[in-house]
C-alpha atoms as a PDB file:
ATOM      1  CA  UNK A   1      46.994 114.872  55.094  1.00  0.00           C
ATOM      2  CA  UNK A   2      48.333 113.780  58.556  1.00  0.00           C
ATOM      3  CA  UNK A   3      51.895 114.240  59.572  1.00  0.00           C
ATOM      4  CA  UNK A   4      53.251 111.956  61.608  1.00  0.00           C
ATOM      5  CA  UNK A   5      56.413 111.983  63.916  1.00  0.00           C
ATOM      6  CA  UNK A   6      58.726 108.904  64.898  1.00  0.00           C
ATOM      7  CA  UNK A   7      59.680 107.720  68.099  1.00  0.00           C
ATOM      8  CA  UNK A   8      61.796 104.457  69.261  1.00  0.00           C
ATOM      9  CA  UNK A   9      62.020 102.225  72.483  1.00  0.00           C
ATOM     10  CA  UNK A  10      65.277 102.785  73.962  1.00  0.00           C
ATOM     11  CA  UNK A  11      64.643  99.463  75.535  1.00  0.00           C
ATOM     12  CA  UNK A  12      65.517  97.590  72.607  1.00  0.00           C
ATOM     13  CA  UNK A  13      69.128  99.722  72.497  1.00  0.00           C
ATOM     14  CA  UNK A  14      70.090  97.943  75.499  1.00  0.00           C
ATOM     15  CA  UNK A  15      70.655  94.066  76.336  1.00  0.00           C
ATOM     16  CA  UNK A  16      68.639  91.770  73.777  1.00  0.00           C
ATOM     17  CA  UNK A  17      68.107  88.138  74.486  1.00  0.00           C
ATOM     18  CA  UNK A  18      65.725  85.475  74.522  1.00  0.00           C
ATOM     19  CA  UNK A  19      65.204  81.859  76.144  1.00  0.00           C
ATOM     20  CA  UNK A  20      68.259  80.411  73.865  1.00  0.00           C
ATOM     21  CA  UNK A  21      70.959  83.012  73.720  1.00  0.00           C
ATOM     22  CA  UNK A  22      71.485  87.064  74.611  1.00  0.00           C
ATOM     23  CA  UNK A  23      72.686  88.502  71.514  1.00  0.00           C
ATOM     24  CA  UNK A  24      72.993  92.344  72.489  1.00  0.00           C
ATOM     25  CA  UNK A  25      75.110  93.683  75.751  1.00  0.00           C
ATOM     26  CA  UNK A  26      73.895  95.848  78.321  1.00  0.00           C
ATOM     27  CA  UNK A  27      74.532  99.405  78.359  1.00  0.00           C
ATOM     28  CA  UNK A  28      74.082 102.882  79.933  1.00  0.00           C
ATOM     29  CA  UNK A  29      71.053 105.445  79.193  1.00  0.00           C
ATOM     30  CA  UNK A  30      73.807 107.909  77.362  1.00  0.00           C
ATOM     31  CA  UNK A  31      74.697 104.942  74.977  1.00  0.00           C
ATOM     32  CA  UNK A  32      70.977 104.283  74.333  1.00  0.00           C
ATOM     33  CA  UNK A  33      70.239 108.016  73.669  1.00  0.00           C
ATOM     34  CA  UNK A  34      73.781 109.035  71.811  1.00  0.00           C
ATOM     35  CA  UNK A  35      72.730 106.121  69.450  1.00  0.00           C
ATOM     36  CA  UNK A  36      68.881 106.910  68.921  1.00  0.00           C
ATOM     37  CA  UNK A  37      70.051 110.217  67.929  1.00  0.00           C
ATOM     38  CA  UNK A  38      72.013 109.308  65.225  1.00  0.00           C
ATOM     39  CA  UNK A  39      68.962 108.079  63.393  1.00  0.00           C
ATOM     40  CA  UNK A  40      68.040 110.428  60.950  1.00  0.00           C
ATOM     41  CA  UNK A  41      64.054 110.680  61.025  1.00  0.00           C
ATOM     42  CA  UNK A  42      63.758 109.645  64.656  1.00  0.00           C
ATOM     43  CA  UNK A  43      62.571 112.791  66.667  1.00  0.00           C
ATOM     44  CA  UNK A  44      61.319 111.466  70.166  1.00  0.00           C
ATOM     45  CA  UNK A  45      62.079 108.653  71.912  1.00  0.00           C
ATOM     46  CA  UNK A  46      59.818 106.102  74.676  1.00  0.00           C
ATOM     47  CA  UNK A  47      61.867 105.542  77.983  1.00  0.00           C
ATOM     48  CA  UNK A  48      61.271 102.187  80.189  1.00  0.00           C
ATOM     49  CA  UNK A  49      60.288 102.606  83.874  1.00  0.00           C
ATOM     50  CA  UNK A  50      61.651 102.331  86.075  1.00  0.00           C
ATOM     51  CA  UNK A  51      64.927 101.313  84.725  1.00  0.00           C
ATOM     52  CA  UNK A  52      65.176 104.410  82.212  1.00  0.00           C
ATOM     53  CA  UNK A  53      64.317 106.498  84.673  1.00  0.00           C
ATOM     54  CA  UNK A  54      66.044 106.359  87.986  1.00  0.00           C
ATOM     55  CA  UNK A  55      67.699 110.035  87.676  1.00  0.00           C
ATOM     56  CA  UNK A  56      65.336 112.318  86.519  1.00  0.00           C
ATOM     57  CA  UNK A  57      67.281 115.414  85.863  1.00  0.00           C
ATOM     58  CA  UNK A  58      70.293 113.126  83.792  1.00  0.00           C
ATOM     59  CA  UNK A  59      67.392 111.889  81.785  1.00  0.00           C
ATOM     60  CA  UNK A  60      66.097 115.509  81.112  1.00  0.00           C
ATOM     61  CA  UNK A  61      69.668 116.991  79.686  1.00  0.00           C
ATOM     62  CA  UNK A  62      70.136 114.015  77.823  1.00  0.00           C
ATOM     63  CA  UNK A  63      67.103 114.558  76.020  1.00  0.00           C
ATOM     64  CA  UNK A  64      67.587 118.288  75.445  1.00  0.00           C
ATOM     65  CA  UNK A  65      71.145 117.479  74.618  1.00  0.00           C
ATOM     66  CA  UNK A  66      70.290 115.141  71.849  1.00  0.00           C
ATOM     67  CA  UNK A  67      67.030 117.092  70.771  1.00  0.00           C
ATOM     68  CA  UNK A  68      65.235 114.440  71.359  1.00  0.00           C
ATOM     69  CA  UNK A  69      61.606 114.351  72.969  1.00  0.00           C
ATOM     70  CA  UNK A  70      59.865 111.940  75.237  1.00  0.00           C
ATOM     71  CA  UNK A  71      57.083 110.658  72.880  1.00  0.00           C
ATOM     72  CA  UNK A  72      55.768 108.186  75.741  1.00  0.00           C
ATOM     73  CA  UNK A  73      57.044 106.405  79.323  1.00  0.00           C
ATOM     74  CA  UNK A  74      56.665 102.232  79.102  1.00  0.00           C
ATOM     75  CA  UNK A  75      55.792 101.369  82.212  1.00  0.00           C
ATOM     76  CA  UNK A  76      57.144  97.609  83.441  1.00  0.00           C
ATOM     77  CA  UNK A  77      54.546  95.301  85.574  1.00  0.00           C
ATOM     78  CA  UNK A  78      55.731  92.512  84.614  1.00  0.00           C
ATOM     79  CA  UNK A  79      58.866  91.402  87.470  1.00  0.00           C
ATOM     80  CA  UNK A  80      58.152  88.057  88.695  1.00  0.00           C
ATOM     81  CA  UNK A  81      59.568  89.385  92.403  1.00  0.00           C
ATOM     82  CA  UNK A  82      56.346  91.592  92.744  1.00  0.00           C
ATOM     83  CA  UNK A  83      53.951  90.249  90.150  1.00  0.00           C
ATOM     84  CA  UNK A  84      54.163  86.393  89.906  1.00  0.00           C
ATOM     85  CA  UNK A  85      50.123  86.184  90.327  1.00  0.00           C
ATOM     86  CA  UNK A  86      49.199  89.021  88.487  1.00  0.00           C
ATOM     87  CA  UNK A  87      49.838  93.130  88.147  1.00  0.00           C
ATOM     88  CA  UNK A  88      46.858  95.037  88.036  1.00  0.00           C
ATOM     89  CA  UNK A  89      44.389  92.217  88.088  1.00  0.00           C
ATOM     90  CA  UNK A  90      45.940  89.813  90.901  1.00  0.00           C
ATOM     91  CA  UNK A  91      44.762  88.886  93.906  1.00  0.00           C
ATOM     92  CA  UNK A  92      47.183  90.160  96.087  1.00  0.00           C
ATOM     93  CA  UNK A  93      46.067  93.743  97.057  1.00  0.00           C
ATOM     94  CA  UNK A  94      50.293  94.539  97.989  1.00  0.00           C
ATOM     95  CA  UNK A  95      50.557  93.532  93.937  1.00  0.00           C
ATOM     96  CA  UNK A  96      48.020  95.948  92.533  1.00  0.00           C
ATOM     97  CA  UNK A  97      49.150  98.781  94.984  1.00  0.00           C
ATOM     98  CA  UNK A  98      52.785  98.361  93.885  1.00  0.00           C
ATOM     99  CA  UNK A  99      51.632  98.648  90.374  1.00  0.00           C
ATOM    100  CA  UNK A 100      49.768 101.080  90.998  1.00  0.00           C
ATOM    101  CA  UNK A 101      52.281 102.768  92.261  1.00  0.00           C
ATOM    102  CA  UNK A 102      54.358 102.586  89.559  1.00  0.00           C
ATOM    103  CA  UNK A 103      52.082 103.751  86.771  1.00  0.00           C
ATOM    104  CA  UNK A 104      51.011 106.826  89.270  1.00  0.00           C
ATOM    105  CA  UNK A 105      55.434 107.423  89.278  1.00  0.00           C
ATOM    106  CA  UNK A 106      55.359 107.417  86.107  1.00  0.00           C
ATOM    107  CA  UNK A 107      52.665 109.860  85.194  1.00  0.00           C
ATOM    108  CA  UNK A 108      54.280 112.569  87.839  1.00  0.00           C
ATOM    109  CA  UNK A 109      57.611 111.788  85.441  1.00  0.00           C
ATOM    110  CA  UNK A 110      56.233 111.945  82.140  1.00  0.00           C
ATOM    111  CA  UNK A 111      54.811 115.506  82.554  1.00  0.00           C
ATOM    112  CA  UNK A 112      57.526 116.742  84.451  1.00  0.00           C
ATOM    113  CA  UNK A 113      59.278 115.431  80.955  1.00  0.00           C
ATOM    114  CA  UNK A 114      57.093 117.712  79.446  1.00  0.00           C
ATOM    115  CA  UNK A 115      54.666 113.907  77.822  1.00  0.00           C
ATOM    116  CA  UNK A 116      51.469 113.385  78.227  1.00  0.00           C
ATOM    117  CA  UNK A 117      51.396 109.208  77.405  1.00  0.00           C
ATOM    118  CA  UNK A 118      52.405 106.689  79.483  1.00  0.00           C
ATOM    119  CA  UNK A 119      51.733 103.398  78.196  1.00  0.00           C
ATOM    120  CA  UNK A 120      52.294  99.501  79.531  1.00  0.00           C
ATOM    121  CA  UNK A 121      51.211  96.414  78.421  1.00  0.00           C
ATOM    122  CA  UNK A 122      50.053  94.165  81.530  1.00  0.00           C
ATOM    123  CA  UNK A 123      51.958  90.614  80.801  1.00  0.00           C
ATOM    124  CA  UNK A 124      51.695  89.530  84.404  1.00  0.00           C
ATOM    125  CA  UNK A 125      47.814  89.411  84.309  1.00  0.00           C
ATOM    126  CA  UNK A 126      46.473  86.141  82.471  1.00  0.00           C
ATOM    127  CA  UNK A 127      46.631  82.546  83.152  1.00  0.00           C
ATOM    128  CA  UNK A 128      48.228  79.826  81.930  1.00  0.00           C
ATOM    129  CA  UNK A 129      45.299  76.620  82.688  1.00  0.00           C
ATOM    130  CA  UNK A 130      41.474  76.002  83.210  1.00  0.00           C
ATOM    131  CA  UNK A 131      39.957  77.118  87.216  1.00  0.00           C
ATOM    132  CA  UNK A 132      43.377  79.035  88.000  1.00  0.00           C
ATOM    133  CA  UNK A 133      41.987  82.341  87.210  1.00  0.00           C
ATOM    134  CA  UNK A 134      38.494  83.503  88.780  1.00  0.00           C
ATOM    135  CA  UNK A 135      37.583  85.774  85.726  1.00  0.00           C
ATOM    136  CA  UNK A 136      35.087  88.155  86.757  1.00  0.00           C
ATOM    137  CA  UNK A 137      37.589  89.029  90.383  1.00  0.00           C
ATOM    138  CA  UNK A 138      40.732  89.287  87.891  1.00  0.00           C
ATOM    139  CA  UNK A 139      38.403  91.778  85.452  1.00  0.00           C
ATOM    140  CA  UNK A 140      37.178  93.767  88.651  1.00  0.00           C
ATOM    141  CA  UNK A 141      40.716  94.038  90.372  1.00  0.00           C
ATOM    142  CA  UNK A 142      41.718  95.206  86.851  1.00  0.00           C
ATOM    143  CA  UNK A 143      38.791  97.937  86.621  1.00  0.00           C
ATOM    144  CA  UNK A 144      39.389  99.438  90.180  1.00  0.00           C
ATOM    145  CA  UNK A 145      42.916  99.660  89.686  1.00  0.00           C
ATOM    146  CA  UNK A 146      43.126 101.384  86.781  1.00  0.00           C
ATOM    147  CA  UNK A 147      39.878 103.714  88.098  1.00  0.00           C
ATOM    148  CA  UNK A 148      42.616 104.433  90.868  1.00  0.00           C
ATOM    149  CA  UNK A 149      45.645 105.057  88.815  1.00  0.00           C
ATOM    150  CA  UNK A 150      43.573 107.849  86.397  1.00  0.00           C
ATOM    151  CA  UNK A 151      42.063 109.709  89.347  1.00  0.00           C
ATOM    152  CA  UNK A 152      45.950 110.781  90.182  1.00  0.00           C
ATOM    153  CA  UNK A 153      46.765 113.598  87.703  1.00  0.00           C
ATOM    154  CA  UNK A 154      44.331 114.441  85.050  1.00  0.00           C
ATOM    155  CA  UNK A 155      47.051 115.587  82.462  1.00  0.00           C
ATOM    156  CA  UNK A 156      48.815 112.611  81.250  1.00  0.00           C
ATOM    157  CA  UNK A 157      47.010 109.937  79.074  1.00  0.00           C
ATOM    158  CA  UNK A 158      47.910 105.984  80.098  1.00  0.00           C
ATOM    159  CA  UNK A 159      47.478 103.312  77.159  1.00  0.00           C
ATOM    160  CA  UNK A 160      47.083  99.651  77.771  1.00  0.00           C
ATOM    161  CA  UNK A 161      49.199  97.392  75.024  1.00  0.00           C
ATOM    162  CA  UNK A 162      47.456  94.333  74.614  1.00  0.00           C
ATOM    163  CA  UNK A 163      49.450  91.246  73.816  1.00  0.00           C
ATOM    164  CA  UNK A 164      48.052  87.676  72.221  1.00  0.00           C
ATOM    165  CA  UNK A 165      50.210  85.183  73.410  1.00  0.00           C
ATOM    166  CA  UNK A 166      53.018  86.692  76.246  1.00  0.00           C
ATOM    167  CA  UNK A 167      53.651  86.332  78.993  1.00  0.00           C
ATOM    168  CA  UNK A 168      51.170  83.484  79.616  1.00  0.00           C
ATOM    169  CA  UNK A 169      48.881  81.476  77.383  1.00  0.00           C
ATOM    170  CA  UNK A 170      46.236  83.231  77.836  1.00  0.00           C
ATOM    171  CA  UNK A 171      46.939  87.071  78.404  1.00  0.00           C
ATOM    172  CA  UNK A 172      44.214  88.835  80.297  1.00  0.00           C
ATOM    173  CA  UNK A 173      43.843  92.070  77.736  1.00  0.00           C
ATOM    174  CA  UNK A 174      45.100  90.107  74.488  1.00  0.00           C
ATOM    175  CA  UNK A 175      42.906  91.950  72.085  1.00  0.00           C
ATOM    176  CA  UNK A 176      41.492  95.090  70.646  1.00  0.00           C
ATOM    177  CA  UNK A 177      38.234  94.019  72.059  1.00  0.00           C
ATOM    178  CA  UNK A 178      39.287  93.453  75.997  1.00  0.00           C
ATOM    179  CA  UNK A 179      40.799  96.868  75.582  1.00  0.00           C
ATOM    180  CA  UNK A 180      37.551  98.635  74.742  1.00  0.00           C
ATOM    181  CA  UNK A 181      36.233  96.890  77.054  1.00  0.00           C
ATOM    182  CA  UNK A 182      38.381  97.809  80.066  1.00  0.00           C
ATOM    183  CA  UNK A 183      38.133 101.247  78.619  1.00  0.00           C
ATOM    184  CA  UNK A 184      34.586 101.153  78.745  1.00  0.00           C
ATOM    185  CA  UNK A 185      34.351 100.019  82.690  1.00  0.00           C
ATOM    186  CA  UNK A 186      37.120 102.452  83.480  1.00  0.00           C
ATOM    187  CA  UNK A 187      35.451 105.189  81.712  1.00  0.00           C
ATOM    188  CA  UNK A 188      37.644 107.484  81.812  1.00  0.00           C
ATOM    189  CA  UNK A 189      38.867 109.965  79.187  1.00  0.00           C
ATOM    190  CA  UNK A 190      42.401 110.125  79.313  1.00  0.00           C
ATOM    191  CA  UNK A 191      42.506 106.093  79.695  1.00  0.00           C
ATOM    192  CA  UNK A 192      42.875 104.278  76.002  1.00  0.00           C
ATOM    193  CA  UNK A 193      44.806 102.081  73.800  1.00  0.00           C
ATOM    194  CA  UNK A 194      48.627 101.381  72.972  1.00  0.00           C
ATOM    195  CA  UNK A 195      47.718  99.644  69.229  1.00  0.00           C
ATOM    196  CA  UNK A 196      51.417  97.668  68.666  1.00  0.00           C
ATOM    197  CA  UNK A 197      50.751  96.774  64.677  1.00  0.00           C
ATOM    198  CA  UNK A 198      52.819  93.130  65.403  1.00  0.00           C
ATOM    199  CA  UNK A 199      50.514  92.155  68.709  1.00  0.00           C
ATOM    200  CA  UNK A 200      47.954  92.588  65.946  1.00  0.00           C
ATOM    201  CA  UNK A 201      49.218  90.771  63.269  1.00  0.00           C
ATOM    202  CA  UNK A 202      50.019  87.558  65.638  1.00  0.00           C
ATOM    203  CA  UNK A 203      46.392  87.992  67.275  1.00  0.00           C
ATOM    204  CA  UNK A 204      45.003  87.585  63.912  1.00  0.00           C
ATOM    205  CA  UNK A 205      43.715  90.682  63.567  1.00  0.00           C
ATOM    206  CA  UNK A 206      43.856  93.023  60.992  1.00  0.00           C
ATOM    207  CA  UNK A 207      45.549  96.447  62.819  1.00  0.00           C
ATOM    208  CA  UNK A 208      43.485  99.022  60.189  1.00  0.00           C
ATOM    209  CA  UNK A 209      40.725  97.637  61.826  1.00  0.00           C
ATOM    210  CA  UNK A 210      41.800  97.561  65.024  1.00  0.00           C
ATOM    211  CA  UNK A 211      42.855 101.229  64.885  1.00  0.00           C
ATOM    212  CA  UNK A 212      39.513 102.030  63.028  1.00  0.00           C
ATOM    213  CA  UNK A 213      37.887 100.370  66.671  1.00  0.00           C
ATOM    214  CA  UNK A 214      39.730 102.950  68.861  1.00  0.00           C
ATOM    215  CA  UNK A 215      39.632 105.283  67.021  1.00  0.00           C
ATOM    216  CA  UNK A 216      35.931 105.363  66.622  1.00  0.00           C
ATOM    217  CA  UNK A 217      35.789 106.137  70.403  1.00  0.00           C
ATOM    218  CA  UNK A 218      38.731 108.470  70.505  1.00  0.00           C
ATOM    219  CA  UNK A 219      40.704 106.177  72.366  1.00  0.00           C
ATOM    220  CA  UNK A 220      44.087 105.519  69.825  1.00  0.00           C
ATOM    221  CA  UNK A 221      46.626 106.681  72.008  1.00  0.00           C
ATOM    222  CA  UNK A 222      49.929 105.573  70.663  1.00  0.00           C
ATOM    223  CA  UNK A 223      51.620 103.429  67.958  1.00  0.00           C
ATOM    224  CA  UNK A 224      53.910 100.950  67.812  1.00  0.00           C
ATOM    225  CA  UNK A 225      55.033  99.977  64.698  1.00  0.00           C
ATOM    226  CA  UNK A 226      56.752  97.102  63.491  1.00  0.00           C
ATOM    227  CA  UNK A 227      55.678  93.697  61.562  1.00  0.00           C
ATOM    228  CA  UNK A 228      54.821  89.868  62.121  1.00  0.00           C
ATOM    229  CA  UNK A 229      54.567  86.766  59.838  1.00  0.00           C
ATOM    230  CA  UNK A 230      51.163  86.574  61.780  1.00  0.00           C
ATOM    231  CA  UNK A 231      51.684  83.056  62.871  1.00  0.00           C
ATOM    232  CA  UNK A 232      51.173  84.029  66.945  1.00  0.00           C
ATOM    233  CA  UNK A 233      55.088  85.203  67.534  1.00  0.00           C
ATOM    234  CA  UNK A 234      55.456  88.432  68.382  1.00  0.00           C
ATOM    235  CA  UNK A 235      59.045  88.703  66.130  1.00  0.00           C
ATOM    236  CA  UNK A 236      59.275  92.879  66.222  1.00  0.00           C
ATOM    237  CA  UNK A 237      60.097  92.747  62.650  1.00  0.00           C
ATOM    238  CA  UNK A 238      60.766  96.056  60.149  1.00  0.00           C
ATOM    239  CA  UNK A 239      57.569  97.872  59.618  1.00  0.00           C
ATOM    240  CA  UNK A 240      56.312  96.420  55.991  1.00  0.00           C
ATOM    241  CA  UNK A 241      58.475  93.273  55.715  1.00  0.00           C
ATOM    242  CA  UNK A 242      55.772  91.191  56.066  1.00  0.00           C
ATOM    243  CA  UNK A 243      52.431  93.008  55.354  1.00  0.00           C
ATOM    244  CA  UNK A 244      53.171  95.095  52.913  1.00  0.00           C
ATOM    245  CA  UNK A 245      49.934  95.727  51.188  1.00  0.00           C
ATOM    246  CA  UNK A 246      48.403  96.088  54.815  1.00  0.00           C
ATOM    247  CA  UNK A 247      50.291  98.936  55.961  1.00  0.00           C
ATOM    248  CA  UNK A 248      48.636 101.254  53.352  1.00  0.00           C
ATOM    249  CA  UNK A 249      45.584 100.314  54.918  1.00  0.00           C
ATOM    250  CA  UNK A 250      46.867 101.042  58.060  1.00  0.00           C
ATOM    251  CA  UNK A 251      48.312 104.492  56.859  1.00  0.00           C
ATOM    252  CA  UNK A 252      44.892 105.438  55.369  1.00  0.00           C
ATOM    253  CA  UNK A 253      43.299 104.502  58.455  1.00  0.00           C
ATOM    254  CA  UNK A 254      45.320 106.343  60.551  1.00  0.00           C
ATOM    255  CA  UNK A 255      45.023 109.786  58.262  1.00  0.00           C
ATOM    256  CA  UNK A 256      41.256 109.062  57.937  1.00  0.00           C
ATOM    257  CA  UNK A 257      40.452 108.810  61.612  1.00  0.00           C
ATOM    258  CA  UNK A 258      42.960 111.437  62.416  1.00  0.00           C
ATOM    259  CA  UNK A 259      45.329 110.309  64.463  1.00  0.00           C
ATOM    260  CA  UNK A 260      48.057 112.564  65.439  1.00  0.00           C
ATOM    261  CA  UNK A 261      49.921 110.815  67.908  1.00  0.00           C
ATOM    262  CA  UNK A 262      53.476 109.205  67.763  1.00  0.00           C
ATOM    263  CA  UNK A 263      54.906 106.523  65.563  1.00  0.00           C
ATOM    264  CA  UNK A 264      56.714 104.762  68.258  1.00  0.00           C
ATOM    265  CA  UNK A 265      58.917 101.394  67.137  1.00  0.00           C
ATOM    266  CA  UNK A 266      59.564  98.121  68.273  1.00  0.00           C
ATOM    267  CA  UNK A 267      61.900  96.320  66.541  1.00  0.00           C
ATOM    268  CA  UNK A 268      63.991  93.212  67.551  1.00  0.00           C
ATOM    269  CA  UNK A 269      68.052  93.831  67.325  1.00  0.00           C
ATOM    270  CA  UNK A 270      69.490  90.590  67.474  1.00  0.00           C
ATOM    271  CA  UNK A 271      71.706  89.760  65.417  1.00  0.00           C
ATOM    272  CA  UNK A 272      72.070  93.183  63.558  1.00  0.00           C
ATOM    273  CA  UNK A 273      72.501  96.455  66.365  1.00  0.00           C
ATOM    274  CA  UNK A 274      69.837  98.207  67.369  1.00  0.00           C
ATOM    275  CA  UNK A 275      71.034 100.993  65.460  1.00  0.00           C
ATOM    276  CA  UNK A 276      70.834  99.345  62.240  1.00  0.00           C
ATOM    277  CA  UNK A 277      67.348  97.887  62.572  1.00  0.00           C
ATOM    278  CA  UNK A 278      66.015 100.940  63.911  1.00  0.00           C
ATOM    279  CA  UNK A 279      67.389 102.861  61.218  1.00  0.00           C
ATOM    280  CA  UNK A 280      66.166 100.792  58.552  1.00  0.00           C
ATOM    281  CA  UNK A 281      62.969 100.609  60.032  1.00  0.00           C
ATOM    282  CA  UNK A 282      62.833 104.146  59.902  1.00  0.00           C
ATOM    283  CA  UNK A 283      63.386 104.415  56.312  1.00  0.00           C
ATOM    284  CA  UNK A 284      60.869 101.904  55.539  1.00  0.00           C
ATOM    285  CA  UNK A 285      57.879 103.976  57.361  1.00  0.00           C
ATOM    286  CA  UNK A 286      59.266 106.944  55.669  1.00  0.00           C
ATOM    287  CA  UNK A 287      59.094 105.473  52.142  1.00  0.00           C
ATOM    288  CA  UNK A 288      55.789 103.892  53.169  1.00  0.00           C
ATOM    289  CA  UNK A 289      54.418 107.462  53.851  1.00  0.00           C
ATOM    290  CA  UNK A 290      56.049 108.695  50.563  1.00  0.00           C
ATOM    291  CA  UNK A 291      54.396 106.164  48.638  1.00  0.00           C
ATOM    292  CA  UNK A 292      50.780 106.520  50.433  1.00  0.00           C
ATOM    293  CA  UNK A 293      51.056 110.461  49.877  1.00  0.00           C
ATOM    294  CA  UNK A 294      51.240 109.606  46.078  1.00  0.00           C
ATOM    295  CA  UNK A 295      47.753 107.976  46.010  1.00  0.00           C
ATOM    296  CA  UNK A 296      44.404 109.447  45.700  1.00  0.00           C
ATOM    297  CA  UNK A 297      42.941 109.825  49.122  1.00  0.00           C
ATOM    298  CA  UNK A 298      39.328 110.602  47.135  1.00  0.00           C
ATOM    299  CA  UNK A 299      39.618 107.864  45.280  1.00  0.00           C
ATOM    300  CA  UNK A 300      40.332 105.066  47.755  1.00  0.00           C
ATOM    301  CA  UNK A 301      37.243 106.456  49.182  1.00  0.00           C
ATOM    302  CA  UNK A 302      35.368 105.967  46.248  1.00  0.00           C
ATOM    303  CA  UNK A 303      36.820 102.875  45.950  1.00  0.00           C
ATOM    304  CA  UNK A 304      35.840 101.823  49.979  1.00  0.00           C
ATOM    305  CA  UNK A 305      32.321 103.185  49.395  1.00  0.00           C
ATOM    306  CA  UNK A 306      31.848 100.041  46.800  1.00  0.00           C
ATOM    307  CA  UNK A 307      30.876  96.598  47.311  1.00  0.00           C
ATOM    308  CA  UNK A 308      32.578  93.860  45.291  1.00  0.00           C
ATOM    309  CA  UNK A 309      36.052  96.326  44.831  1.00  0.00           C
ATOM    310  CA  UNK A 310      38.717  93.573  45.634  1.00  0.00           C
ATOM    311  CA  UNK A 311      39.978  93.850  42.252  1.00  0.00           C
ATOM    312  CA  UNK A 312      39.611  97.375  41.443  1.00  0.00           C
ATOM    313  CA  UNK A 313      41.897  98.338  44.810  1.00  0.00           C
ATOM    314  CA  UNK A 314      44.694  96.047  44.048  1.00  0.00           C
ATOM    315  CA  UNK A 315      44.469  97.552  40.270  1.00  0.00           C
ATOM    316  CA  UNK A 316      44.904 101.508  41.289  1.00  0.00           C
ATOM    317  CA  UNK A 317      47.327 100.082  44.337  1.00  0.00           C
ATOM    318  CA  UNK A 318      49.513  98.285  42.000  1.00  0.00           C
ATOM    319  CA  UNK A 319      49.668 100.974  39.388  1.00  0.00           C
ATOM    320  CA  UNK A 320      50.633 103.522  41.639  1.00  0.00           C
ATOM    321  CA  UNK A 321      52.636 102.301  44.021  1.00  0.00           C
ATOM    322  CA  UNK A 322      54.053  99.247  41.822  1.00  0.00           C
ATOM    323  CA  UNK A 323      54.450 101.698  38.714  1.00  0.00           C
ATOM    324  CA  UNK A 324      53.390  99.074  36.503  1.00  0.00           C
END
């Protein structure tokens, strides 16, 4: 049975705002890491580039002081000042070059800080209207940009996170199939996917299936834990708060495919502060994992091998998890 380490996305410990109001103030990296280190069960942190990593020696010292590992560098390539009309897929060669340079620099920083993973969500790449984008050219540009990025070094993985609805009406990379298509075209062993479970729910996907698809070609590099109502919105809710039963299928699938990466977390900290929300998410994850470990995986495999198993599966899960 697999053992997973948990990490937190430091971006959620800073300024939190939406189109309507600001919920939490900005703060220093020192303050973010101090609060993350106080959460029992968290072993690592995902830091945003460039914002959290302007002073790499300071970051290294802070990570050592708080005994936190760097799980991943999360690269921001959505700044409208440079990427108003795309980043990886932009018509502008200057925009594509800047996006590539950000990713390459983040790879160097990740390696320097002992991490072997960079992740990015290409939110600037997409469209809103018919005839706004030359789709074939945009995808060619994205493939060319990432091919250039992947040639930079051979010891850091790059994980692409898909998002079904933001920041465009139609993001280019908006489902697991497109991540797989992108990986196939770039054809590099260190390019893969970051599966944000809330994004999968928001896109009407089944996260366990998405994990299985990525895992089947060794492209599942990272996980962002959270939950969503499945109405298309990316709410970043506490894991299992909505899709309780799905979580056992997710854990079963991760265990089955041999996923050994981090379980990161993107949890919205709006009305309650980030430490409270991430503490609740961490406790929920650990309890879900504990409940999952009490199940008989061999029995689940037998049930899975049978047609018409829905009633038997629910009977087994409720009997062994709800104890009734």
